[in-house]
Each structure stands twice: as structure tokens, then as C-alpha cells.
């Protein structure tokens, strides 16, 4: 259950960060570390 929530959350964050990609690359890396 928790895994599914984390996965869908990671996908939503990825889509959100695609728009902000140029601004917040370090934040994107941080989110990936937290997700893994």
C-alpha cells in the first residue's frame, strides 16, 4: 500500500517538476533520493 502511494506520488512530482525543471534541478535530485 505504502509503495503504491509513494510510486504515484513520485509520478505526480515528476510531472510537476518537468515544468519547473530548468529552475529546480537540485530539488528534483533531492526528491529522487527521498523516493529511493
PDB file of N, CA and C in Angstrom:
ATOM      1  N   UNK A   1       0.836  -1.207   0.000  1.00  0.00           N
ATOM      2  CA  UNK A   1       0.000   0.000   0.000  1.00  0.00           C
ATOM      3  C   UNK A   1       0.867   1.252   0.000  1.00  0.00           C
ATOM      4  N   UNK A   2       1.791   1.301   0.947  1.00  0.00           N
ATOM      5  CA  UNK A   2       2.681   2.466   1.045  1.00  0.00           C
ATOM      6  C   UNK A   2       3.511   2.628  -0.222  1.00  0.00           C
ATOM      7  N   UNK A   3       3.953   1.497  -0.788  1.00  0.00           N
ATOM      8  CA  UNK A   3       4.732   1.549  -2.023  1.00  0.00           C
ATOM      9  C   UNK A   3       3.929   2.187  -3.148  1.00  0.00           C
ATOM     10  N   UNK A   4       2.652   1.806  -3.272  1.00  0.00           N
ATOM     11  CA  UNK A   4       1.806   2.361  -4.328  1.00  0.00           C
ATOM     12  C   UNK A   4       1.614   3.860  -4.153  1.00  0.00           C
ATOM     13  N   UNK A   5       1.423   4.298  -2.918  1.00  0.00           N
ATOM     14  CA  UNK A   5       1.276   5.735  -2.644  1.00  0.00           C
ATOM     15  C   UNK A   5       2.560   6.467  -3.022  1.00  0.00           C
ATOM     16  N   UNK A   6       3.692   5.897  -2.667  1.00  0.00           N
ATOM     17  CA  UNK A   6       4.975   6.540  -2.984  1.00  0.00           C
ATOM     18  C   UNK A   6       5.200   6.592  -4.486  1.00  0.00           C
ATOM     19  N   UNK A   7       4.850   5.530  -5.189  1.00  0.00           N
ATOM     20  CA  UNK A   7       5.048   5.489  -6.642  1.00  0.00           C
ATOM     21  C   UNK A   7       4.188   6.522  -7.345  1.00  0.00           C
ATOM     22  N   UNK A   8       2.899   6.582  -7.018  1.00  0.00           N
ATOM     23  CA  UNK A   8       2.008   7.548  -7.669  1.00  0.00           C
ATOM     24  C   UNK A   8       2.416   8.962  -7.286  1.00  0.00           C
ATOM     25  N   UNK A   9       2.866   9.143  -6.052  1.00  0.00           N
ATOM     26  CA  UNK A   9       3.356  10.449  -5.630  1.00  0.00           C
ATOM     27  C   UNK A   9       4.599  10.856  -6.402  1.00  0.00           C
ATOM     28  N   UNK A  10       5.491   9.897  -6.652  1.00  0.00           N
ATOM     29  CA  UNK A  10       6.718  10.182  -7.405  1.00  0.00           C
ATOM     30  C   UNK A  10       6.384  10.570  -8.837  1.00  0.00           C
ATOM     31  N   UNK A  11       5.411   9.888  -9.434  1.00  0.00           N
ATOM     32  CA  UNK A  11       4.996  10.214 -10.803  1.00  0.00           C
ATOM     33  C   UNK A  11       4.400  11.619 -10.849  1.00  0.00           C
ATOM     34  N   UNK A  12       3.547  11.945  -9.886  1.00  0.00           N
ATOM     35  CA  UNK A  12       2.929  13.276  -9.837  1.00  0.00           C
ATOM     36  C   UNK A  12       3.990  14.350  -9.653  1.00  0.00           C
ATOM     37  N   UNK A  13       4.953  14.089  -8.764  1.00  0.00           N
ATOM     38  CA  UNK A  13       6.045  15.043  -8.529  1.00  0.00           C
ATOM     39  C   UNK A  13       6.894  15.185  -9.780  1.00  0.00           C
ATOM     40  N   UNK A  14       7.172  14.076 -10.460  1.00  0.00           N
ATOM     41  CA  UNK A  14       7.950  14.131 -11.704  1.00  0.00           C
ATOM     42  C   UNK A  14       7.269  15.009 -12.740  1.00  0.00           C
ATOM     43  N   UNK A  15       5.957  14.844 -12.913  1.00  0.00           N
ATOM     44  CA  UNK A  15       5.222  15.649 -13.891  1.00  0.00           C
ATOM     45  C   UNK A  15       5.231  17.116 -13.496  1.00  0.00           C
ATOM     46  N   UNK A  16       5.058  17.377 -12.195  1.00  0.00           N
ATOM     47  CA  UNK A  16       5.084  18.746 -11.691  1.00  0.00           C
ATOM     48  C   UNK A  16       6.458  19.369 -11.926  1.00  0.00           C
ATOM     49  N   UNK A  17       7.504  18.596 -11.648  1.00  0.00           N
ATOM     50  CA  UNK A  17       8.857  19.134 -11.758  1.00  0.00           C
ATOM     51  C   UNK A  17       9.319  19.264 -13.198  1.00  0.00           C
ATOM     52  N   UNK A  18       8.701  18.550 -14.113  1.00  0.00           N
ATOM     53  CA  UNK A  18       9.051  18.724 -15.525  1.00  0.00           C
ATOM     54  C   UNK A  18       8.842  20.169 -15.949  1.00  0.00           C
ATOM     55  N   UNK A  19       7.794  20.799 -15.424  1.00  0.00           N
ATOM     56  CA  UNK A  19       7.508  22.196 -15.744  1.00  0.00           C
ATOM     57  C   UNK A  19       8.524  23.128 -15.090  1.00  0.00           C
ATOM     58  N   UNK A  20       8.978  22.748 -13.907  1.00  0.00           N
ATOM     59  CA  UNK A  20       9.917  23.573 -13.140  1.00  0.00           C
ATOM     60  C   UNK A  20      11.362  23.136 -13.357  1.00  0.00           C
ATOM     61  N   UNK A  21      11.568  22.269 -14.326  1.00  0.00           N
ATOM     62  CA  UNK A  21      12.833  21.552 -14.479  1.00  0.00           C
ATOM     63  C   UNK A  21      14.022  22.493 -14.551  1.00  0.00           C
ATOM     64  N   UNK A  22      13.892  23.564 -15.301  1.00  0.00           N
ATOM     65  CA  UNK A  22      15.016  24.470 -15.500  1.00  0.00           C
ATOM     66  C   UNK A  22      15.368  25.210 -14.221  1.00  0.00           C
ATOM     67  N   UNK A  23      14.364  25.452 -13.380  1.00  0.00           N
ATOM     68  CA  UNK A  23      14.606  26.193 -12.139  1.00  0.00           C
ATOM     69  C   UNK A  23      15.192  25.296 -11.051  1.00  0.00           C
ATOM     70  N   UNK A  24      14.606  24.098 -10.906  1.00  0.00           N
ATOM     71  CA  UNK A  24      14.802  23.340  -9.676  1.00  0.00           C
ATOM     72  C   UNK A  24      15.409  21.959  -9.900  1.00  0.00           C
ATOM     73  N   UNK A  25      16.503  21.886 -10.598  1.00  0.00           N
ATOM     74  CA  UNK A  25      17.134  20.579 -10.825  1.00  0.00           C
ATOM     75  C   UNK A  25      17.633  19.961  -9.522  1.00  0.00           C
ATOM     76  N   UNK A  26      18.136  20.772  -8.603  1.00  0.00           N
ATOM     77  CA  UNK A  26      18.630  20.226  -7.340  1.00  0.00           C
ATOM     78  C   UNK A  26      17.477  19.683  -6.512  1.00  0.00           C
ATOM     79  N   UNK A  27      16.329  20.361  -6.547  1.00  0.00           N
ATOM     80  CA  UNK A  27      15.152  19.871  -5.826  1.00  0.00           C
ATOM     81  C   UNK A  27      14.694  18.537  -6.401  1.00  0.00           C
ATOM     82  N   UNK A  28      14.746  18.404  -7.732  1.00  0.00           N
ATOM     83  CA  UNK A  28      14.387  17.149  -8.403  1.00  0.00           C
ATOM     84  C   UNK A  28      15.275  16.004  -7.920  1.00  0.00           C
ATOM     85  N   UNK A  29      16.580  16.265  -7.831  1.00  0.00           N
ATOM     86  CA  UNK A  29      17.520  15.248  -7.351  1.00  0.00           C
ATOM     87  C   UNK A  29      17.187  14.874  -5.904  1.00  0.00           C
ATOM     88  N   UNK A  30      16.875  15.881  -5.088  1.00  0.00           N
ATOM     89  CA  UNK A  30      16.515  15.639  -3.691  1.00  0.00           C
ATOM     90  C   UNK A  30      15.284  14.738  -3.590  1.00  0.00           C
ATOM     91  N   UNK A  31      14.257  15.034  -4.394  1.00  0.00           N
ATOM     92  CA  UNK A  31      13.034  14.224  -4.384  1.00  0.00           C
ATOM     93  C   UNK A  31      13.343  12.786  -4.781  1.00  0.00           C
ATOM     94  N   UNK A  32      14.191  12.603  -5.784  1.00  0.00           N
ATOM     95  CA  UNK A  32      14.548  11.246  -6.205  1.00  0.00           C
ATOM     96  C   UNK A  32      15.263  10.488  -5.084  1.00  0.00           C
ATOM     97  N   UNK A  33      16.150  11.157  -4.352  1.00  0.00           N
ATOM     98  CA  UNK A  33      16.839  10.498  -3.238  1.00  0.00           C
ATOM     99  C   UNK A  33      15.851  10.090  -2.159  1.00  0.00           C
ATOM    100  N   UNK A  34      14.899  10.972  -1.859  1.00  0.00           N
ATOM    101  CA  UNK A  34      13.898  10.666  -0.835  1.00  0.00           C
ATOM    102  C   UNK A  34      13.011   9.508  -1.274  1.00  0.00           C
ATOM    103  N   UNK A  35      12.649   9.496  -2.559  1.00  0.00           N
ATOM    104  CA  UNK A  35      11.772   8.441  -3.073  1.00  0.00           C
ATOM    105  C   UNK A  35      12.460   7.080  -3.061  1.00  0.00           C
ATOM    106  N   UNK A  36      13.762   7.044  -3.363  1.00  0.00           N
ATOM    107  CA  UNK A  36      14.507   5.789  -3.363  1.00  0.00           C
ATOM    108  C   UNK A  36      14.962   5.450  -1.956  1.00  0.00           C
TER     109      UNK A  36
END
